[in-house]
Amino acid sequence: TEVGNATLRPELARQHDVGISYSLNSKLYTLNFTMDYYYNRVSDKIIAFPKGQQFRWAMMNLGEVTIHGLDAAIGTTLHLPVRFTLTPRLQYTYQRAIDVTNPHDSYYRHQIPYIPLHSGSAVIGLNYDSRRGDHYGLNYSFTYVGERYSQPENIPANYVPAWYTHDLTFFGEWGIRQHRLHAQLEINNLLGQDYEVIANYPMPKQNVRFSVSVTY
């Protein structure tokens, strides 16, 4: 009862979706495209957001929420010379999620907390497979999350600005007798951006993580 809501009710959703997908394959490349438009109407929508003391989350039901959304993604794999492959991918999400519970509420038809209207990502990977079975890769990713609001009312006091990050990953995998050795170096938030996923909880600037694993 200290974290959460003992009277939280389950949500009920009526979901409608229409989508298209397209794939093209050849010896030199593969191409995949998907797009979905959806409309959901959710009763007792469950949302969670920090409130009061640090690291204490409040869970609550919103009476009725409608969601209009669009998800689109396109990706390809290019087979380059000398055993290299290039894999770029773009993804975009539009989500208009509004509270339609009570026309007399001050936040009627406002975007619900922490749901951005626009978000997306771009990822590109370069991979190399050696003849002896070793594998090397370099991945770059860009993530964007649009402006949001930290409370049901979409007013300036509750405004949370958009954020974005650049990340890099280097990895290698080698066969050692009957085992596999995997080493990975991650450089997150490459440009040291100041940003907050949740209001008043700043995220780390540039940070590095290194990991090694062995599979027997």
Protein backbone atom coordinates (compact mmCIF):
# COMPACT_ATOMS: atom_id res chain seq x y z
CA THR A 1 0.00 0.00 0.00
CA GLU A 2 3.00 2.36 0.35
CA VAL A 3 3.85 2.09 -3.34
CA GLY A 4 0.86 1.80 -5.62
CA ASN A 5 -2.85 1.77 -5.06
CA ALA A 6 -4.69 -0.95 -3.14
CA THR A 7 -7.96 -0.11 -4.90
CA LEU A 8 -6.57 -0.11 -8.44
CA ARG A 9 -9.01 -1.58 -10.95
CA PRO A 10 -8.07 -3.55 -14.09
CA GLU A 11 -8.41 -1.69 -17.35
CA LEU A 12 -10.64 -2.75 -20.21
CA ALA A 13 -9.66 -1.85 -23.78
CA ARG A 14 -11.53 -1.98 -27.07
CA GLN A 15 -8.90 -1.94 -29.78
CA HIS A 16 -9.14 -1.37 -33.55
CA ASP A 17 -6.15 -1.59 -35.88
CA VAL A 18 -5.47 -1.48 -39.59
CA GLY A 19 -1.98 -1.94 -40.97
CA ILE A 20 0.13 -2.71 -43.99
CA SER A 21 3.46 -4.46 -44.35
CA TYR A 22 5.81 -4.83 -47.29
CA SER A 23 8.93 -6.94 -47.71
CA LEU A 24 11.43 -7.17 -50.55
CA ASN A 25 14.27 -9.67 -50.65
CA SER A 26 17.21 -10.04 -53.00
CA LYS A 27 20.77 -11.30 -52.89
CA LEU A 28 22.08 -7.77 -52.23
CA TYR A 29 19.55 -6.48 -49.71
CA THR A 30 16.31 -7.00 -47.82
CA LEU A 31 13.72 -4.27 -47.17
CA ASN A 32 10.91 -4.32 -44.62
CA PHE A 33 8.23 -1.68 -44.07
CA THR A 34 5.31 -1.75 -41.64
CA MET A 35 2.69 0.83 -40.71
CA ASP A 36 -0.25 0.55 -38.34
CA TYR A 37 -3.01 2.97 -37.47
CA TYR A 38 -4.99 2.16 -34.34
CA TYR A 39 -7.84 3.51 -32.28
CA ASN A 40 -8.31 2.33 -28.70
CA ARG A 41 -10.91 3.24 -26.13
CA VAL A 42 -9.81 2.27 -22.64
CA SER A 43 -11.91 2.21 -19.48
CA ASP A 44 -10.13 2.52 -16.14
CA LYS A 45 -6.85 3.29 -17.92
CA ILE A 46 -3.95 2.63 -15.54
CA ILE A 47 -1.24 5.28 -15.39
CA ALA A 48 1.79 5.57 -13.10
CA PHE A 49 3.87 8.63 -12.27
CA PRO A 50 6.12 9.76 -9.39
CA LYS A 51 4.38 11.79 -6.75
CA GLY A 52 5.40 13.06 -3.33
CA GLN A 53 8.50 11.45 -1.85
CA GLN A 54 11.36 10.42 -4.10
CA PHE A 55 11.06 7.09 -5.84
CA ARG A 56 7.47 6.69 -4.68
CA TRP A 57 5.13 6.07 -7.58
CA ALA A 58 1.41 6.74 -7.69
CA MET A 59 -0.81 4.38 -9.67
CA MET A 60 -4.29 5.51 -10.57
CA ASN A 61 -7.20 4.78 -12.88
CA LEU A 62 -8.43 7.29 -15.42
CA GLY A 63 -12.11 6.76 -16.17
CA GLU A 64 -12.05 6.83 -19.98
CA VAL A 65 -9.19 7.38 -22.42
CA THR A 66 -9.18 7.41 -26.21
CA ILE A 67 -5.98 6.74 -28.12
CA HIS A 68 -5.34 7.51 -31.78
CA GLY A 69 -1.96 6.21 -32.84
CA LEU A 70 0.30 5.54 -35.79
CA ASP A 71 3.36 3.28 -35.77
CA ALA A 72 5.67 3.19 -38.80
CA ALA A 73 9.00 1.45 -39.27
CA ILE A 74 11.31 0.83 -42.18
CA GLY A 75 14.51 -1.18 -42.14
CA THR A 76 16.91 -2.75 -44.56
CA THR A 77 19.90 -5.08 -44.54
CA LEU A 78 22.57 -4.37 -47.15
CA HIS A 79 25.05 -7.13 -47.95
CA LEU A 80 28.32 -5.32 -48.60
CA PRO A 81 31.56 -6.74 -50.03
CA VAL A 82 34.14 -8.50 -47.85
CA ARG A 83 31.55 -10.08 -45.48
CA PHE A 84 30.13 -6.77 -44.14
CA THR A 85 26.43 -6.07 -43.60
CA LEU A 86 24.79 -2.67 -42.97
CA THR A 87 21.43 -2.55 -41.17
CA PRO A 88 19.74 0.88 -40.93
CA ARG A 89 16.27 1.17 -39.35
CA LEU A 90 13.88 4.09 -38.74
CA GLN A 91 10.87 4.01 -36.42
CA TYR A 92 8.22 6.66 -35.69
CA THR A 93 5.26 6.71 -33.30
CA TYR A 94 2.40 9.21 -33.09
CA GLN A 95 0.09 8.75 -30.11
CA ARG A 96 -2.74 11.05 -29.14
CA ALA A 97 -3.97 9.68 -25.79
CA ILE A 98 -6.56 11.96 -24.17
CA ASP A 99 -8.72 11.80 -21.07
CA VAL A 100 -12.41 11.90 -22.02
CA THR A 101 -13.88 10.93 -18.66
CA ASN A 102 -15.73 14.06 -17.58
CA PRO A 103 -16.32 17.22 -19.66
CA HIS A 104 -16.31 19.25 -16.43
CA ASP A 105 -12.75 18.27 -15.47
CA SER A 106 -10.06 20.91 -16.05
CA TYR A 107 -7.99 18.31 -17.92
CA TYR A 108 -10.81 17.03 -20.16
CA ARG A 109 -9.36 16.05 -23.57
CA HIS A 110 -5.82 16.69 -22.35
CA GLN A 111 -2.94 14.33 -23.18
CA ILE A 112 -2.48 11.85 -20.32
CA PRO A 113 0.74 12.06 -18.22
CA TYR A 114 4.08 11.08 -19.76
CA ILE A 115 2.70 10.05 -23.16
CA PRO A 116 4.52 12.01 -25.90
CA LEU A 117 2.67 12.97 -29.04
CA HIS A 118 5.73 12.16 -31.17
CA SER A 119 8.62 9.75 -30.61
CA GLY A 120 10.99 7.78 -32.75
CA SER A 121 14.41 6.28 -33.23
CA ALA A 122 17.08 5.73 -35.85
CA VAL A 123 19.49 2.82 -35.60
CA ILE A 124 22.30 1.82 -37.91
CA GLY A 125 24.54 -1.19 -37.47
CA LEU A 126 27.68 -2.32 -39.28
CA ASN A 127 28.60 -5.97 -38.82
CA TYR A 128 31.46 -8.16 -39.98
CA ASP A 129 31.65 -11.96 -39.96
CA SER A 130 35.08 -13.47 -40.46
CA ARG A 131 35.68 -16.74 -42.25
CA ARG A 132 36.74 -18.36 -38.99
CA GLY A 133 33.41 -17.51 -37.32
CA ASP A 134 34.35 -14.39 -35.36
CA HIS A 135 31.80 -11.59 -35.32
CA TYR A 136 32.32 -7.83 -34.89
CA GLY A 137 29.83 -4.98 -34.84
CA LEU A 138 29.34 -1.26 -34.44
CA ASN A 139 25.89 0.14 -33.66
CA TYR A 140 24.73 3.76 -33.48
CA SER A 141 21.31 4.73 -32.20
CA PHE A 142 19.42 8.00 -31.90
CA THR A 143 16.34 8.10 -29.67
CA TYR A 144 13.82 10.96 -29.55
CA VAL A 145 10.91 11.40 -27.14
CA GLY A 146 8.70 14.44 -27.61
CA GLU A 147 7.34 16.89 -25.06
CA ARG A 148 5.04 15.54 -22.36
CA TYR A 149 3.20 16.57 -19.21
CA SER A 150 3.84 15.19 -15.73
CA GLN A 151 0.23 15.60 -14.50
CA PRO A 152 -3.23 15.23 -16.06
CA GLU A 153 -3.48 19.00 -16.68
CA ASN A 154 -1.53 20.13 -19.76
CA ILE A 155 -0.39 23.46 -18.33
CA PRO A 156 3.07 25.11 -18.35
CA ALA A 157 3.76 24.11 -14.72
CA ASN A 158 3.48 20.42 -15.68
CA TYR A 159 5.43 20.65 -18.94
CA VAL A 160 8.29 18.15 -19.48
CA PRO A 161 10.49 19.04 -22.48
CA ALA A 162 11.45 16.66 -25.24
CA TRP A 163 14.69 14.71 -24.95
CA TYR A 164 16.99 12.78 -27.23
CA THR A 165 20.21 10.80 -26.92
CA HIS A 166 22.96 9.39 -29.12
CA ASP A 167 24.46 6.02 -28.18
CA LEU A 168 27.29 3.88 -29.57
CA THR A 169 27.99 0.19 -29.06
CA PHE A 170 31.07 -1.80 -30.11
CA PHE A 171 31.15 -5.56 -29.70
CA GLY A 172 33.09 -8.62 -30.70
CA GLU A 173 32.48 -12.35 -30.40
CA TRP A 174 35.16 -15.00 -30.74
CA GLY A 175 35.23 -18.78 -30.68
CA ILE A 176 37.74 -20.28 -28.24
CA ARG A 177 37.74 -24.05 -28.62
CA GLN A 178 34.19 -25.07 -27.64
CA HIS A 179 33.38 -21.73 -26.01
CA ARG A 180 32.24 -18.29 -27.15
CA LEU A 181 33.67 -15.05 -25.74
CA HIS A 182 31.60 -11.88 -26.11
CA ALA A 183 32.94 -8.40 -25.22
CA GLN A 184 30.91 -5.19 -25.52
CA LEU A 185 31.61 -1.50 -24.96
CA GLU A 186 28.68 0.93 -24.70
CA ILE A 187 28.96 4.71 -24.76
CA ASN A 188 25.57 6.07 -23.75
CA ASN A 189 24.42 9.68 -24.12
CA LEU A 190 27.42 10.32 -26.34
CA LEU A 191 27.01 14.12 -26.42
CA GLY A 192 26.36 14.45 -22.69
CA GLN A 193 22.84 15.85 -23.07
CA ASP A 194 20.90 17.10 -20.05
CA TYR A 195 17.51 15.37 -20.04
CA GLU A 196 14.80 13.96 -17.81
CA VAL A 197 12.65 10.94 -18.62
CA ILE A 198 10.62 11.73 -15.49
CA ALA A 199 10.26 15.31 -14.22
CA ASN A 200 12.85 16.25 -11.56
CA TYR A 201 14.81 13.02 -12.02
CA PRO A 202 17.80 13.95 -14.21
CA MET A 203 19.45 11.17 -16.18
CA PRO A 204 23.23 10.56 -16.35
CA LYS A 205 25.31 12.46 -18.83
CA GLN A 206 27.83 10.56 -20.95
CA ASN A 207 28.45 7.17 -19.37
CA VAL A 208 30.38 4.07 -20.38
CA ARG A 209 29.73 0.40 -19.70
CA PHE A 210 31.94 -2.56 -20.55
CA SER A 211 30.89 -6.19 -20.28
CA VAL A 212 32.43 -9.58 -21.00
CA SER A 213 30.61 -12.90 -21.10
CA VAL A 214 31.64 -16.48 -21.85
CA THR A 215 29.29 -19.15 -23.14
CA TYR A 216 30.35 -22.71 -22.34
